Amino acid sequence: MDSLSYKTVSLNSSTATREWFVIDAEGVVLGRLASQVAKILRGKHKPGYTPHVDCGDSVVIINADKVKLTGKKLTDKVYVRHTGYPGGQRFATPAEMLRRKPAFVVTNAVKGMLPKNRLGADILRNLKVYAGAEHPHAAQSPKELNVNQIK
């Protein structure tokens, strides 16, 4: 027998099959949600997962303003940013950010679980986060996904 009866599948961005999922974040713990979403965005749930290719699916998260944080993270955790000016360091708690920009809290948590390179930036573009229950991606006919049932 000259050749193997099996081949290692290595996907590229044109051969990867993509789907759309919608996840309701109401009452879901933020870290658990972010880790499951990062896995779906990365494509690790697929049998043809290829680490150096964006072969994951697109995810729409609704009700981001109703996500749950455990313990005292709502008041003790701090998001730090800098304006670029001297003395321009600014601090915000998740309670303030959920009030001001609820999508930021979820997006930031998922971003922290993706690769810190160009691939991670490309993968993050497949994440859409909305504070309310409505989203403009009905044309993609996303499948409803329950975070607690993802393995």
N, C-alpha and C. Protein backbone atom coordinates (compact mmCIF):
# COMPACT_ATOMS: atom_id res chain seq x y z
N MET A 1 0.85 -1.17 0.00
CA MET A 1 0.00 0.00 0.00
C MET A 1 0.89 1.23 0.00
N ASP A 2 0.83 2.04 -1.07
CA ASP A 2 1.70 3.20 -1.21
C ASP A 2 1.21 4.40 -0.41
N SER A 3 -0.11 4.57 -0.32
CA SER A 3 -0.61 5.78 0.33
C SER A 3 -1.42 5.42 1.57
N LEU A 4 -1.60 6.44 2.37
CA LEU A 4 -2.38 6.25 3.59
C LEU A 4 -3.86 6.16 3.26
N SER A 5 -4.58 5.44 4.06
CA SER A 5 -6.02 5.35 3.86
C SER A 5 -6.74 6.50 4.56
N TYR A 6 -6.00 7.37 5.20
CA TYR A 6 -6.59 8.52 5.87
C TYR A 6 -5.71 9.73 5.63
N LYS A 7 -6.29 10.88 5.72
CA LYS A 7 -5.56 12.13 5.54
C LYS A 7 -5.87 13.04 6.72
N THR A 8 -4.90 13.81 7.13
CA THR A 8 -5.14 14.81 8.15
C THR A 8 -5.83 15.99 7.50
N VAL A 9 -6.99 16.36 8.03
CA VAL A 9 -7.75 17.46 7.46
C VAL A 9 -7.19 18.77 8.00
N SER A 10 -6.81 19.65 7.10
CA SER A 10 -6.35 20.98 7.49
C SER A 10 -7.20 21.99 6.74
N LEU A 11 -8.05 22.68 7.47
CA LEU A 11 -8.97 23.64 6.86
C LEU A 11 -8.25 24.93 6.52
N ASN A 12 -8.82 25.66 5.57
CA ASN A 12 -8.43 27.05 5.38
C ASN A 12 -9.71 27.88 5.42
N SER A 13 -9.59 29.17 5.32
CA SER A 13 -10.77 30.01 5.52
C SER A 13 -11.82 29.83 4.44
N SER A 14 -11.44 29.35 3.27
CA SER A 14 -12.44 29.16 2.22
C SER A 14 -13.15 27.80 2.32
N THR A 15 -12.51 26.81 2.92
CA THR A 15 -13.14 25.49 3.03
C THR A 15 -13.89 25.29 4.34
N ALA A 16 -13.76 26.21 5.26
CA ALA A 16 -14.44 26.09 6.55
C ALA A 16 -15.93 26.39 6.39
N THR A 17 -16.77 25.54 6.96
CA THR A 17 -18.21 25.81 6.95
C THR A 17 -18.56 26.61 8.19
N ARG A 18 -19.32 27.66 7.98
CA ARG A 18 -19.64 28.57 9.08
C ARG A 18 -21.13 28.58 9.35
N GLU A 19 -21.47 28.73 10.62
CA GLU A 19 -22.86 28.83 11.04
C GLU A 19 -23.01 30.07 11.91
N TRP A 20 -24.25 30.43 12.17
CA TRP A 20 -24.56 31.54 13.06
C TRP A 20 -25.32 30.99 14.26
N PHE A 21 -24.95 31.45 15.46
CA PHE A 21 -25.62 31.06 16.68
C PHE A 21 -26.05 32.30 17.44
N VAL A 22 -27.18 32.21 18.12
CA VAL A 22 -27.63 33.29 19.00
C VAL A 22 -27.70 32.73 20.42
N ILE A 23 -27.13 33.49 21.36
CA ILE A 23 -27.06 33.06 22.75
C ILE A 23 -27.70 34.14 23.62
N ASP A 24 -28.61 33.72 24.49
CA ASP A 24 -29.24 34.63 25.44
C ASP A 24 -28.41 34.64 26.72
N ALA A 25 -27.87 35.79 27.08
CA ALA A 25 -26.97 35.90 28.22
C ALA A 25 -27.68 36.22 29.52
N GLU A 26 -29.00 36.22 29.52
CA GLU A 26 -29.75 36.59 30.73
C GLU A 26 -29.53 35.56 31.83
N GLY A 27 -28.98 36.02 32.97
CA GLY A 27 -28.76 35.16 34.12
C GLY A 27 -27.59 34.20 34.00
N VAL A 28 -26.77 34.31 32.96
CA VAL A 28 -25.64 33.42 32.76
C VAL A 28 -24.39 34.07 33.37
N VAL A 29 -23.56 33.27 34.02
CA VAL A 29 -22.33 33.77 34.62
C VAL A 29 -21.37 34.20 33.50
N LEU A 30 -20.79 35.38 33.63
CA LEU A 30 -19.98 35.99 32.57
C LEU A 30 -18.82 35.12 32.12
N GLY A 31 -18.03 34.59 33.05
CA GLY A 31 -16.86 33.79 32.68
C GLY A 31 -17.22 32.51 31.96
N ARG A 32 -18.28 31.85 32.40
CA ARG A 32 -18.73 30.62 31.75
C ARG A 32 -19.22 30.92 30.34
N LEU A 33 -19.96 32.01 30.20
CA LEU A 33 -20.44 32.42 28.89
C LEU A 33 -19.27 32.72 27.96
N ALA A 34 -18.29 33.48 28.45
CA ALA A 34 -17.16 33.90 27.62
C ALA A 34 -16.32 32.71 27.17
N SER A 35 -16.10 31.74 28.04
CA SER A 35 -15.28 30.59 27.65
C SER A 35 -15.97 29.74 26.59
N GLN A 36 -17.28 29.56 26.71
CA GLN A 36 -18.02 28.78 25.72
C GLN A 36 -18.09 29.52 24.39
N VAL A 37 -18.30 30.81 24.43
CA VAL A 37 -18.37 31.61 23.21
C VAL A 37 -17.01 31.64 22.51
N ALA A 38 -15.93 31.75 23.28
CA ALA A 38 -14.59 31.76 22.69
C ALA A 38 -14.31 30.43 21.99
N LYS A 39 -14.78 29.35 22.57
CA LYS A 39 -14.59 28.03 21.95
C LYS A 39 -15.33 27.93 20.62
N ILE A 40 -16.56 28.46 20.57
CA ILE A 40 -17.34 28.44 19.33
C ILE A 40 -16.72 29.35 18.28
N LEU A 41 -16.31 30.56 18.70
CA LEU A 41 -15.69 31.50 17.76
C LEU A 41 -14.41 30.93 17.17
N ARG A 42 -13.65 30.22 17.97
CA ARG A 42 -12.37 29.65 17.55
C ARG A 42 -12.56 28.44 16.65
N GLY A 43 -13.68 27.72 16.81
CA GLY A 43 -13.94 26.54 16.00
C GLY A 43 -13.50 25.25 16.66
N LYS A 44 -13.22 25.30 17.95
CA LYS A 44 -12.72 24.11 18.65
C LYS A 44 -13.77 23.02 18.81
N HIS A 45 -15.04 23.35 18.58
CA HIS A 45 -16.09 22.37 18.70
C HIS A 45 -16.26 21.54 17.42
N LYS A 46 -15.51 21.87 16.39
CA LYS A 46 -15.63 21.19 15.09
C LYS A 46 -14.55 20.12 14.95
N PRO A 47 -14.85 19.04 14.24
CA PRO A 47 -13.85 17.99 14.07
C PRO A 47 -12.66 18.41 13.21
N GLY A 48 -12.85 19.38 12.33
CA GLY A 48 -11.76 19.83 11.47
C GLY A 48 -11.06 21.06 11.98
N TYR A 49 -11.00 21.24 13.30
CA TYR A 49 -10.38 22.43 13.90
C TYR A 49 -8.93 22.55 13.47
N THR A 50 -8.57 23.72 12.99
CA THR A 50 -7.20 24.02 12.60
C THR A 50 -6.77 25.26 13.38
N PRO A 51 -5.71 25.15 14.21
CA PRO A 51 -5.37 26.24 15.13
C PRO A 51 -5.00 27.57 14.49
N HIS A 52 -4.39 27.53 13.31
CA HIS A 52 -3.89 28.78 12.72
C HIS A 52 -4.86 29.41 11.72
N VAL A 53 -6.12 28.92 11.68
CA VAL A 53 -7.11 29.41 10.72
C VAL A 53 -8.37 29.83 11.47
N ASP A 54 -9.00 30.89 10.99
CA ASP A 54 -10.30 31.30 11.52
C ASP A 54 -11.36 30.40 10.91
N CYS A 55 -11.67 29.30 11.58
CA CYS A 55 -12.64 28.34 11.05
C CYS A 55 -13.85 28.22 11.96
N GLY A 56 -14.04 29.19 12.84
CA GLY A 56 -15.15 29.14 13.80
C GLY A 56 -16.43 29.73 13.24
N ASP A 57 -17.43 29.75 14.08
CA ASP A 57 -18.75 30.23 13.71
C ASP A 57 -18.96 31.65 14.23
N SER A 58 -20.02 32.29 13.75
CA SER A 58 -20.39 33.62 14.23
C SER A 58 -21.38 33.48 15.37
N VAL A 59 -21.24 34.35 16.37
CA VAL A 59 -22.08 34.28 17.56
C VAL A 59 -22.71 35.65 17.80
N VAL A 60 -24.02 35.64 18.04
CA VAL A 60 -24.76 36.83 18.42
C VAL A 60 -25.19 36.64 19.87
N ILE A 61 -24.80 37.57 20.73
CA ILE A 61 -25.18 37.50 22.14
C ILE A 61 -26.20 38.60 22.41
N ILE A 62 -27.36 38.20 22.96
CA ILE A 62 -28.40 39.18 23.30
C ILE A 62 -28.53 39.24 24.82
N ASN A 63 -29.15 40.30 25.30
CA ASN A 63 -29.35 40.56 26.74
C ASN A 63 -28.03 40.60 27.50
N ALA A 64 -27.04 41.27 26.93
CA ALA A 64 -25.74 41.40 27.57
C ALA A 64 -25.82 42.21 28.86
N ASP A 65 -26.83 43.05 28.98
CA ASP A 65 -26.97 43.86 30.19
C ASP A 65 -27.48 43.05 31.37
N LYS A 66 -27.94 41.81 31.14
CA LYS A 66 -28.47 40.98 32.22
C LYS A 66 -27.53 39.83 32.58
N VAL A 67 -26.27 39.95 32.19
CA VAL A 67 -25.28 38.92 32.52
C VAL A 67 -24.97 38.99 34.02
N LYS A 68 -24.56 37.86 34.59
CA LYS A 68 -24.35 37.78 36.04
C LYS A 68 -22.86 37.67 36.34
N LEU A 69 -22.42 38.36 37.37
CA LEU A 69 -21.06 38.23 37.87
C LEU A 69 -21.13 37.68 39.29
N THR A 70 -20.29 36.71 39.61
CA THR A 70 -20.34 36.06 40.91
C THR A 70 -19.45 36.79 41.91
N GLY A 71 -19.69 36.52 43.17
CA GLY A 71 -18.87 37.11 44.23
C GLY A 71 -19.04 38.62 44.29
N LYS A 72 -17.92 39.32 44.56
CA LYS A 72 -17.95 40.78 44.65
C LYS A 72 -17.35 41.43 43.41
N LYS A 73 -17.32 40.68 42.29
CA LYS A 73 -16.70 41.21 41.08
C LYS A 73 -17.41 42.44 40.54
N LEU A 74 -18.70 42.55 40.79
CA LEU A 74 -19.46 43.68 40.28
C LEU A 74 -18.93 45.01 40.81
N THR A 75 -18.36 44.99 42.02
CA THR A 75 -17.85 46.24 42.61
C THR A 75 -16.33 46.24 42.76
N ASP A 76 -15.71 45.05 42.88
CA ASP A 76 -14.28 45.00 43.16
C ASP A 76 -13.40 44.91 41.91
N LYS A 77 -13.91 44.31 40.85
CA LYS A 77 -13.14 44.20 39.61
C LYS A 77 -13.01 45.60 39.00
N VAL A 78 -11.89 45.87 38.34
CA VAL A 78 -11.65 47.20 37.78
C VAL A 78 -11.17 47.08 36.33
N TYR A 79 -11.81 47.83 35.44
CA TYR A 79 -11.33 47.95 34.06
C TYR A 79 -10.48 49.22 33.99
N VAL A 80 -9.27 49.11 33.46
CA VAL A 80 -8.35 50.24 33.40
C VAL A 80 -8.14 50.63 31.94
N ARG A 81 -8.21 51.92 31.66
CA ARG A 81 -7.88 52.42 30.32
C ARG A 81 -7.09 53.70 30.48
N HIS A 82 -6.50 54.15 29.40
CA HIS A 82 -5.71 55.38 29.44
C HIS A 82 -6.11 56.27 28.28
N THR A 83 -6.32 57.55 28.55
CA THR A 83 -6.77 58.48 27.52
C THR A 83 -5.66 58.86 26.56
N GLY A 84 -4.41 58.66 26.96
CA GLY A 84 -3.29 59.07 26.12
C GLY A 84 -2.67 60.37 26.59
N TYR A 85 -3.32 61.04 27.52
CA TYR A 85 -2.80 62.28 28.06
C TYR A 85 -2.11 62.01 29.40
N PRO A 86 -1.20 62.89 29.82
CA PRO A 86 -0.57 62.70 31.13
C PRO A 86 -1.62 62.68 32.24
N GLY A 87 -1.51 61.71 33.11
CA GLY A 87 -2.47 61.56 34.19
C GLY A 87 -3.83 61.10 33.72
N GLY A 88 -3.88 60.48 32.56
CA GLY A 88 -5.16 60.13 31.95
C GLY A 88 -5.62 58.72 32.21
N GLN A 89 -5.16 58.11 33.29
CA GLN A 89 -5.60 56.76 33.60
C GLN A 89 -7.01 56.80 34.19
N ARG A 90 -7.92 55.99 33.62
CA ARG A 90 -9.30 55.98 34.06
C ARG A 90 -9.69 54.58 34.51
N PHE A 91 -10.52 54.51 35.53
CA PHE A 91 -10.93 53.25 36.11
C PHE A 91 -12.45 53.14 36.09
N ALA A 92 -12.95 51.92 35.89
CA ALA A 92 -14.39 51.69 35.92
C ALA A 92 -14.67 50.29 36.44
N THR A 93 -15.74 50.14 37.19
CA THR A 93 -16.14 48.83 37.69
C THR A 93 -17.14 48.21 36.71
N PRO A 94 -17.33 46.90 36.77
CA PRO A 94 -18.34 46.27 35.90
C PRO A 94 -19.75 46.83 36.12
N ALA A 95 -20.07 47.26 37.34
CA ALA A 95 -21.39 47.84 37.60
C ALA A 95 -21.58 49.10 36.76
N GLU A 96 -20.54 49.95 36.70
CA GLU A 96 -20.62 51.18 35.90
C GLU A 96 -20.68 50.84 34.41
N MET A 97 -19.86 49.87 33.99
CA MET A 97 -19.81 49.52 32.57
C MET A 97 -21.10 48.85 32.11
N LEU A 98 -21.73 48.05 32.95
CA LEU A 98 -23.01 47.44 32.60
C LEU A 98 -24.09 48.50 32.44
N ARG A 99 -23.96 49.58 33.21
CA ARG A 99 -24.92 50.68 33.09
C ARG A 99 -24.65 51.50 31.83
N ARG A 100 -23.35 51.76 31.54
CA ARG A 100 -22.98 52.63 30.43
C ARG A 100 -22.90 51.90 29.09
N LYS A 101 -22.07 50.82 29.05
CA LYS A 101 -21.85 50.06 27.82
C LYS A 101 -21.89 48.57 28.14
N PRO A 102 -23.07 47.95 28.20
CA PRO A 102 -23.16 46.55 28.61
C PRO A 102 -22.46 45.60 27.65
N ALA A 103 -22.38 45.94 26.39
CA ALA A 103 -21.73 45.06 25.41
C ALA A 103 -20.23 44.96 25.67
N PHE A 104 -19.63 46.00 26.24
CA PHE A 104 -18.20 46.01 26.51
C PHE A 104 -17.80 44.91 27.48
N VAL A 105 -18.60 44.69 28.51
CA VAL A 105 -18.26 43.72 29.55
C VAL A 105 -18.14 42.32 28.94
N VAL A 106 -19.11 41.96 28.12
CA VAL A 106 -19.10 40.62 27.49
C VAL A 106 -18.00 40.54 26.44
N THR A 107 -17.86 41.55 25.61
CA THR A 107 -16.85 41.54 24.56
C THR A 107 -15.45 41.46 25.15
N ASN A 108 -15.20 42.20 26.21
CA ASN A 108 -13.90 42.20 26.86
C ASN A 108 -13.57 40.84 27.46
N ALA A 109 -14.56 40.18 28.03
CA ALA A 109 -14.35 38.86 28.63
C ALA A 109 -14.01 37.83 27.55
N VAL A 110 -14.71 37.88 26.42
CA VAL A 110 -14.44 36.94 25.33
C VAL A 110 -13.09 37.25 24.69
N LYS A 111 -12.79 38.53 24.52
CA LYS A 111 -11.52 38.93 23.91
C LYS A 111 -10.33 38.42 24.70
N GLY A 112 -10.46 38.40 26.03
CA GLY A 112 -9.38 37.91 26.88
C GLY A 112 -9.14 36.41 26.74
N MET A 113 -10.08 35.68 26.16
CA MET A 113 -9.94 34.23 25.99
C MET A 113 -9.58 33.83 24.57
N LEU A 114 -9.28 34.79 23.73
CA LEU A 114 -8.87 34.52 22.36
C LEU A 114 -7.37 34.80 22.21
N PRO A 115 -6.75 34.32 21.13
CA PRO A 115 -5.32 34.57 20.92
C PRO A 115 -5.03 36.07 20.84
N LYS A 116 -3.87 36.47 21.36
CA LYS A 116 -3.48 37.88 21.36
C LYS A 116 -2.64 38.18 20.12
N ASN A 117 -3.24 38.04 18.94
CA ASN A 117 -2.54 38.32 17.69
C ASN A 117 -3.57 38.68 16.62
N ARG A 118 -3.14 38.73 15.35
CA ARG A 118 -4.06 39.11 14.28
C ARG A 118 -5.20 38.12 14.12
N LEU A 119 -4.91 36.85 14.36
CA LEU A 119 -5.96 35.83 14.27
C LEU A 119 -7.04 36.10 15.31
N GLY A 120 -6.66 36.44 16.52
CA GLY A 120 -7.63 36.75 17.57
C GLY A 120 -8.48 37.96 17.20
N ALA A 121 -7.89 38.96 16.57
CA ALA A 121 -8.64 40.15 16.14
C ALA A 121 -9.64 39.78 15.05
N ASP A 122 -9.23 38.91 14.12
CA ASP A 122 -10.14 38.47 13.06
C ASP A 122 -11.29 37.65 13.63
N ILE A 123 -10.99 36.78 14.59
CA ILE A 123 -12.01 35.94 15.19
C ILE A 123 -13.01 36.79 15.96
N LEU A 124 -12.55 37.82 16.64
CA LEU A 124 -13.42 38.68 17.44
C LEU A 124 -14.45 39.42 16.57
N ARG A 125 -14.14 39.60 15.29
CA ARG A 125 -15.10 40.26 14.39
C ARG A 125 -16.34 39.40 14.15
N ASN A 126 -16.28 38.12 14.48
CA ASN A 126 -17.43 37.24 14.31
C ASN A 126 -18.35 37.26 15.53
N LEU A 127 -18.05 38.10 16.50
CA LEU A 127 -18.87 38.23 17.70
C LEU A 127 -19.69 39.51 17.63
N LYS A 128 -20.99 39.38 17.82
CA LYS A 128 -21.90 40.54 17.85
C LYS A 128 -22.62 40.51 19.20
N VAL A 129 -22.52 41.61 19.95
CA VAL A 129 -23.11 41.66 21.28
C VAL A 129 -24.11 42.81 21.34
N TYR A 130 -25.30 42.51 21.89
CA TYR A 130 -26.37 43.51 21.99
C TYR A 130 -26.92 43.52 23.41
N ALA A 131 -27.22 44.73 23.92
CA ALA A 131 -27.71 44.88 25.29
C ALA A 131 -29.13 44.36 25.43
N GLY A 132 -29.95 44.56 24.43
CA GLY A 132 -31.35 44.15 24.51
C GLY A 132 -31.60 42.79 23.88
N ALA A 133 -32.89 42.48 23.71
CA ALA A 133 -33.27 41.18 23.17
C ALA A 133 -33.36 41.17 21.65
N GLU A 134 -33.30 42.33 21.00
CA GLU A 134 -33.39 42.39 19.54
C GLU A 134 -32.00 42.46 18.93
N HIS A 135 -31.88 41.85 17.74
CA HIS A 135 -30.62 41.93 16.99
C HIS A 135 -30.94 41.97 15.50
N PRO A 136 -30.10 42.62 14.69
CA PRO A 136 -30.38 42.77 13.26
C PRO A 136 -29.86 41.62 12.39
N HIS A 137 -29.64 40.44 12.96
CA HIS A 137 -29.05 39.34 12.20
C HIS A 137 -30.04 38.21 11.93
N ALA A 138 -31.32 38.55 11.83
CA ALA A 138 -32.34 37.52 11.58
C ALA A 138 -32.19 36.92 10.18
N ALA A 139 -31.62 37.69 9.24
CA ALA A 139 -31.45 37.20 7.87
C ALA A 139 -30.47 36.03 7.80
N GLN A 140 -29.56 35.93 8.76
CA GLN A 140 -28.59 34.83 8.77
C GLN A 140 -29.19 33.57 9.38
N SER A 141 -30.43 33.66 9.85
CA SER A 141 -31.16 32.57 10.52
C SER A 141 -30.28 31.83 11.54
N PRO A 142 -29.88 32.55 12.61
CA PRO A 142 -29.02 31.92 13.62
C PRO A 142 -29.76 30.87 14.43
N LYS A 143 -29.04 29.84 14.84
CA LYS A 143 -29.61 28.79 15.67
C LYS A 143 -29.54 29.22 17.14
N GLU A 144 -30.60 28.92 17.87
CA GLU A 144 -30.64 29.22 19.31
C GLU A 144 -29.71 28.26 20.01
N LEU A 145 -28.85 28.77 20.90
CA LEU A 145 -27.88 27.94 21.59
C LEU A 145 -27.95 28.22 23.08
N ASN A 146 -28.07 27.18 23.89
CA ASN A 146 -28.08 27.32 25.33
C ASN A 146 -26.68 27.06 25.86
N VAL A 147 -26.11 28.01 26.56
CA VAL A 147 -24.73 27.93 27.02
C VAL A 147 -24.53 26.77 28.00
N ASN A 148 -25.54 26.48 28.78
CA ASN A 148 -25.41 25.42 29.79
C ASN A 148 -25.37 24.02 29.17
N GLN A 149 -25.75 23.89 27.90
CA GLN A 149 -25.77 22.57 27.26
C GLN A 149 -24.59 22.35 26.34
N ILE A 150 -23.69 23.32 26.22
CA ILE A 150 -22.51 23.16 25.37
C ILE A 150 -21.49 22.32 26.11
N LYS A 151 -20.89 21.36 25.43
CA LYS A 151 -19.88 20.50 26.05
C LYS A 151 -18.50 21.04 25.77
